[in-house]
Amino acid sequence: MELKKCKGQTGKHSSDNYCGHNDPSLHIGTPVSRQIAKSFAQKHQDLSFTDFLELLNSLYQGKYSDEKSMAGKLLRVYPKLRSKIEPKKLDTWLNYLDGWEQVDSLCQSVFTAEDMSVSWNEWQRTLTSFSKNKNTNKRRASLVLLTAPVRQSNDERFPRLAFRIIERLKSEKEILITKAVSWLLREMIKNHKDKAAVYLQKNKESLPKIAVRETTRKLKTGRNRVIWLAL
């Protein structure tokens, strides 16, 4: 994919330091990169699964942060091919990602509740493994990957796993983890409000303060204070 042709096509340049990584950027704006992904999918509707994986592997190993975020966008626009991806594949891709922006470009609202339900046992094993990993990015991934499923589905398996992972990570002080714990708890409120409220009440002394504060606010108002970057 010729991303370099679109270099600088954005009205604002994000700080890579703020985004949590040290990779160079082509400064391609989100609307432009989304259109690139959509146009590519329209032109390559018959892309094989093998070629899809080869493209994603290449992008995740790319030099520029824009290449890594583009991989996440392609995963969104190829739902049928995405559904064939084994969860353990994410373990390899996460080795090339650093910081909240890059991790979330793969893990935020990319894999759906439906995707995970198809091969739930594998997803459960993979996310549990991520939550125990020494790599902070993988521990964050174990939380962020569940934010969409708990919001999209009333399937009890998703909050059950979410609470187990939160229990394992709630004592960490790293901001990548504390904010993700807060995020996951807040996303549960749509379909699992009572469970989230009970858990918060029982664990308010041991959860990160930001999680208690923001989840309590959303339980009361139904709104989030934090606005997340659209990836």
Protein backbone atom coordinates (compact mmCIF):
# COMPACT_ATOMS: atom_id res chain seq x y z
CA MET A 1 0.00 0.00 0.00
CA GLU A 2 1.40 3.37 -1.03
CA LEU A 3 0.88 5.30 2.17
CA LYS A 4 3.85 7.57 1.53
CA LYS A 5 1.92 9.30 -1.28
CA CYS A 6 -0.47 10.64 1.38
CA LYS A 7 2.22 11.94 3.71
CA GLY A 8 1.15 15.05 5.59
CA GLN A 9 -2.51 14.90 4.57
CA THR A 10 -3.88 16.07 7.88
CA GLY A 11 -4.56 19.42 9.49
CA LYS A 12 -2.91 18.47 12.73
CA HIS A 13 0.19 16.51 13.66
CA SER A 14 -0.07 14.37 16.79
CA SER A 15 2.92 14.06 19.09
CA ASP A 16 4.36 10.55 18.83
CA ASN A 17 5.55 10.92 22.41
CA TYR A 18 1.97 11.60 23.51
CA CYS A 19 0.83 8.53 21.57
CA GLY A 20 3.28 6.41 23.52
CA HIS A 21 5.66 5.22 20.79
CA ASN A 22 8.88 6.29 19.11
CA ASP A 23 8.08 5.27 15.54
CA PRO A 24 8.28 7.94 12.84
CA SER A 25 4.98 9.13 11.39
CA LEU A 26 3.78 10.10 7.93
CA HIS A 27 1.15 12.33 9.61
CA ILE A 28 -1.76 10.95 7.62
CA GLY A 29 -5.07 12.09 9.10
CA THR A 30 -7.67 9.58 10.29
CA PRO A 31 -10.28 10.44 7.60
CA VAL A 32 -7.64 10.03 4.88
CA SER A 33 -6.36 6.71 6.22
CA ARG A 34 -9.89 5.36 6.60
CA GLN A 35 -10.61 6.25 2.98
CA ILE A 36 -7.40 4.52 1.87
CA ALA A 37 -8.54 1.33 3.64
CA LYS A 38 -12.04 1.51 2.14
CA SER A 39 -10.71 2.17 -1.37
CA PHE A 40 -8.25 -0.72 -1.07
CA ALA A 41 -11.04 -3.08 0.01
CA GLN A 42 -13.23 -1.99 -2.92
CA LYS A 43 -10.42 -2.62 -5.38
CA HIS A 44 -9.42 -5.95 -3.83
CA GLN A 45 -12.72 -7.58 -2.95
CA ASP A 46 -11.36 -11.04 -3.79
CA LEU A 47 -8.24 -10.73 -1.62
CA SER A 48 -7.26 -14.19 -0.38
CA PHE A 49 -6.80 -14.93 3.30
CA THR A 50 -3.14 -15.78 2.68
CA ASP A 51 -2.51 -12.45 0.95
CA PHE A 52 -4.48 -10.64 3.65
CA LEU A 53 -2.25 -12.07 6.38
CA GLU A 54 0.87 -11.30 4.36
CA LEU A 55 -0.22 -7.68 3.97
CA LEU A 56 -1.01 -7.33 7.67
CA ASN A 57 2.31 -8.89 8.68
CA SER A 58 4.11 -6.43 6.43
CA LEU A 59 2.25 -3.43 7.84
CA TYR A 60 2.80 -4.42 11.46
CA GLN A 61 6.52 -4.76 10.80
CA GLY A 62 6.62 -1.44 8.95
CA LYS A 63 8.78 1.54 9.83
CA TYR A 64 5.98 4.08 10.25
CA SER A 65 3.26 4.22 12.87
CA ASP A 66 0.78 4.92 10.05
CA GLU A 67 1.45 1.48 8.59
CA LYS A 68 0.58 -0.20 11.89
CA SER A 69 -2.63 1.78 12.33
CA MET A 70 -3.57 1.01 8.72
CA ALA A 71 -3.44 -2.71 9.52
CA GLY A 72 -6.16 -2.17 12.12
CA LYS A 73 -8.31 -0.28 9.64
CA LEU A 74 -7.96 -3.09 7.10
CA LEU A 75 -9.07 -5.57 9.73
CA ARG A 76 -12.24 -3.51 10.11
CA VAL A 77 -13.07 -3.38 6.40
CA TYR A 78 -12.48 -7.10 5.79
CA PRO A 79 -14.82 -8.68 8.39
CA LYS A 80 -15.00 -12.10 6.70
CA LEU A 81 -11.22 -12.41 6.52
CA ARG A 82 -10.84 -10.99 10.04
CA SER A 83 -13.12 -13.67 11.44
CA LYS A 84 -10.69 -16.34 10.21
CA ILE A 85 -7.74 -14.95 12.15
CA GLU A 86 -6.62 -17.10 15.07
CA PRO A 87 -6.39 -15.11 18.34
CA LYS A 88 -2.80 -16.21 18.87
CA LYS A 89 -1.85 -14.21 15.75
CA LEU A 90 -2.33 -11.05 17.81
CA ASP A 91 0.46 -12.19 20.10
CA THR A 92 2.91 -11.82 17.22
CA TRP A 93 1.52 -8.49 16.01
CA LEU A 94 1.62 -6.95 19.48
CA ASN A 95 5.37 -7.54 19.54
CA TYR A 96 5.63 -4.73 16.97
CA LEU A 97 3.31 -2.28 18.77
CA ASP A 98 4.12 0.14 21.55
CA GLY A 99 1.99 2.60 23.49
CA TRP A 100 -1.73 3.16 23.77
CA GLU A 101 -2.32 4.45 20.23
CA GLN A 102 -0.69 1.52 18.46
CA VAL A 103 -2.12 -1.13 20.80
CA ASP A 104 -5.61 0.33 20.56
CA SER A 105 -5.45 0.52 16.76
CA LEU A 106 -5.41 -3.29 16.83
CA CYS A 107 -7.55 -3.90 19.91
CA GLN A 108 -10.20 -1.15 20.10
CA SER A 109 -13.49 -2.17 18.44
CA VAL A 110 -11.71 -4.24 15.77
CA PHE A 111 -12.61 -7.75 16.91
CA THR A 112 -16.29 -7.99 17.75
CA ALA A 113 -18.37 -10.04 20.17
CA GLU A 114 -19.41 -12.16 17.20
CA ASP A 115 -15.77 -12.72 16.17
CA MET A 116 -14.86 -13.89 19.66
CA SER A 117 -17.94 -16.07 20.12
CA VAL A 118 -16.99 -18.21 17.14
CA SER A 119 -13.76 -19.38 18.80
CA TRP A 120 -14.35 -18.36 22.40
CA ASN A 121 -12.07 -20.91 24.07
CA GLU A 122 -9.11 -19.72 22.02
CA TRP A 123 -9.89 -16.07 22.70
CA GLN A 124 -10.26 -16.75 26.41
CA ARG A 125 -6.90 -18.53 26.57
CA THR A 126 -5.19 -15.79 24.55
CA LEU A 127 -6.57 -12.88 26.59
CA THR A 128 -5.77 -14.64 29.85
CA SER A 129 -2.23 -15.19 28.61
CA PHE A 130 -1.93 -11.51 27.64
CA SER A 131 -3.04 -10.45 31.12
CA LYS A 132 -0.12 -12.39 32.62
CA ASN A 133 2.49 -11.20 30.12
CA LYS A 134 5.50 -9.12 31.18
CA ASN A 135 4.87 -6.84 28.21
CA THR A 136 2.68 -3.93 29.38
CA ASN A 137 1.26 -3.53 25.87
CA LYS A 138 -0.09 -7.09 25.93
CA ARG A 139 -1.57 -6.61 29.39
CA ARG A 140 -3.35 -3.50 28.09
CA ALA A 141 -4.53 -5.51 25.07
CA SER A 142 -6.16 -8.08 27.37
CA LEU A 143 -8.41 -5.28 28.67
CA VAL A 144 -9.00 -3.22 25.53
CA LEU A 145 -9.93 -6.23 23.39
CA LEU A 146 -12.92 -6.83 25.67
CA THR A 147 -14.27 -3.26 25.60
CA ALA A 148 -16.27 -3.82 22.40
CA PRO A 149 -17.67 -7.28 23.24
CA VAL A 150 -19.01 -6.22 26.66
CA ARG A 151 -20.65 -3.22 25.02
CA GLN A 152 -22.03 -5.15 22.05
CA SER A 153 -23.36 -8.26 23.75
CA ASN A 154 -25.20 -9.44 26.86
CA ASP A 155 -23.30 -12.73 26.72
CA GLU A 156 -22.18 -13.40 30.30
CA ARG A 157 -18.86 -14.88 29.21
CA PHE A 158 -17.47 -11.47 28.31
CA PRO A 159 -17.92 -9.70 31.69
CA ARG A 160 -16.92 -12.89 33.51
CA LEU A 161 -13.54 -12.88 31.78
CA ALA A 162 -13.29 -9.09 32.06
CA PHE A 163 -13.67 -9.18 35.84
CA ARG A 164 -11.03 -11.92 36.15
CA ILE A 165 -8.55 -9.88 34.14
CA ILE A 166 -9.35 -6.67 36.00
CA GLU A 167 -8.79 -8.49 39.29
CA ARG A 168 -5.37 -9.56 38.07
CA LEU A 169 -4.35 -6.08 36.90
CA LYS A 170 -6.18 -3.63 39.18
CA SER A 171 -3.22 -3.09 41.52
CA GLU A 172 -0.92 -1.90 38.71
CA LYS A 173 0.04 1.77 38.63
CA GLU A 174 1.03 2.01 34.97
CA ILE A 175 -1.30 4.49 33.24
CA LEU A 176 -1.67 2.18 30.23
CA ILE A 177 -3.33 -0.28 32.59
CA THR A 178 -5.26 1.99 34.98
CA LYS A 179 -7.00 3.82 32.13
CA ALA A 180 -7.83 0.56 30.37
CA VAL A 181 -9.35 -0.86 33.58
CA SER A 182 -11.53 2.25 33.82
CA TRP A 183 -12.49 2.01 30.17
CA LEU A 184 -13.50 -1.65 30.38
CA LEU A 185 -15.63 -1.12 33.48
CA ARG A 186 -17.44 1.81 31.85
CA GLU A 187 -18.12 -0.14 28.67
CA MET A 188 -19.83 -2.86 30.72
CA ILE A 189 -22.53 -0.45 31.82
CA LYS A 190 -24.59 -0.72 28.63
CA ASN A 191 -25.29 -4.46 28.90
CA HIS A 192 -24.00 -5.41 32.34
CA LYS A 193 -24.78 -2.37 34.48
CA ASP A 194 -25.77 -4.20 37.66
CA LYS A 195 -22.69 -6.39 37.61
CA ALA A 196 -20.42 -3.39 37.03
CA ALA A 197 -22.07 -1.46 39.88
CA VAL A 198 -21.78 -4.35 42.34
CA TYR A 199 -18.16 -5.00 41.39
CA LEU A 200 -17.29 -1.32 41.75
CA GLN A 201 -18.86 -1.11 45.19
CA LYS A 202 -17.06 -4.22 46.44
CA ASN A 203 -13.69 -3.22 45.04
CA LYS A 204 -13.62 0.59 45.22
CA GLU A 205 -10.73 0.54 47.70
CA SER A 206 -8.51 -1.65 45.52
CA LEU A 207 -9.37 -0.38 42.03
CA PRO A 208 -7.43 2.49 40.42
CA LYS A 209 -8.89 5.80 41.54
CA ILE A 210 -9.50 6.86 37.95
CA ALA A 211 -11.58 3.70 37.41
CA VAL A 212 -13.69 4.36 40.49
CA ARG A 213 -14.17 8.03 39.62
CA GLU A 214 -15.03 7.60 35.94
CA THR A 215 -17.17 4.48 36.33
CA THR A 216 -19.13 6.09 39.16
CA ARG A 217 -19.72 9.15 36.95
CA LYS A 218 -20.99 7.04 34.07
CA LEU A 219 -23.24 4.98 36.35
CA LYS A 220 -24.83 8.21 37.55
CA THR A 221 -24.96 10.20 34.32
CA GLY A 222 -24.65 7.64 31.53
CA ARG A 223 -21.82 9.68 30.03
CA ASN A 224 -18.07 9.38 29.73
CA ARG A 225 -15.85 12.31 30.60
CA VAL A 226 -12.91 10.97 28.62
CA ILE A 227 -13.11 11.24 24.83
CA TRP A 228 -11.05 8.53 23.16
CA LEU A 229 -9.14 9.03 19.95
CA ALA A 230 -10.93 7.61 16.92
CA LEU A 231 -8.51 5.21 15.33
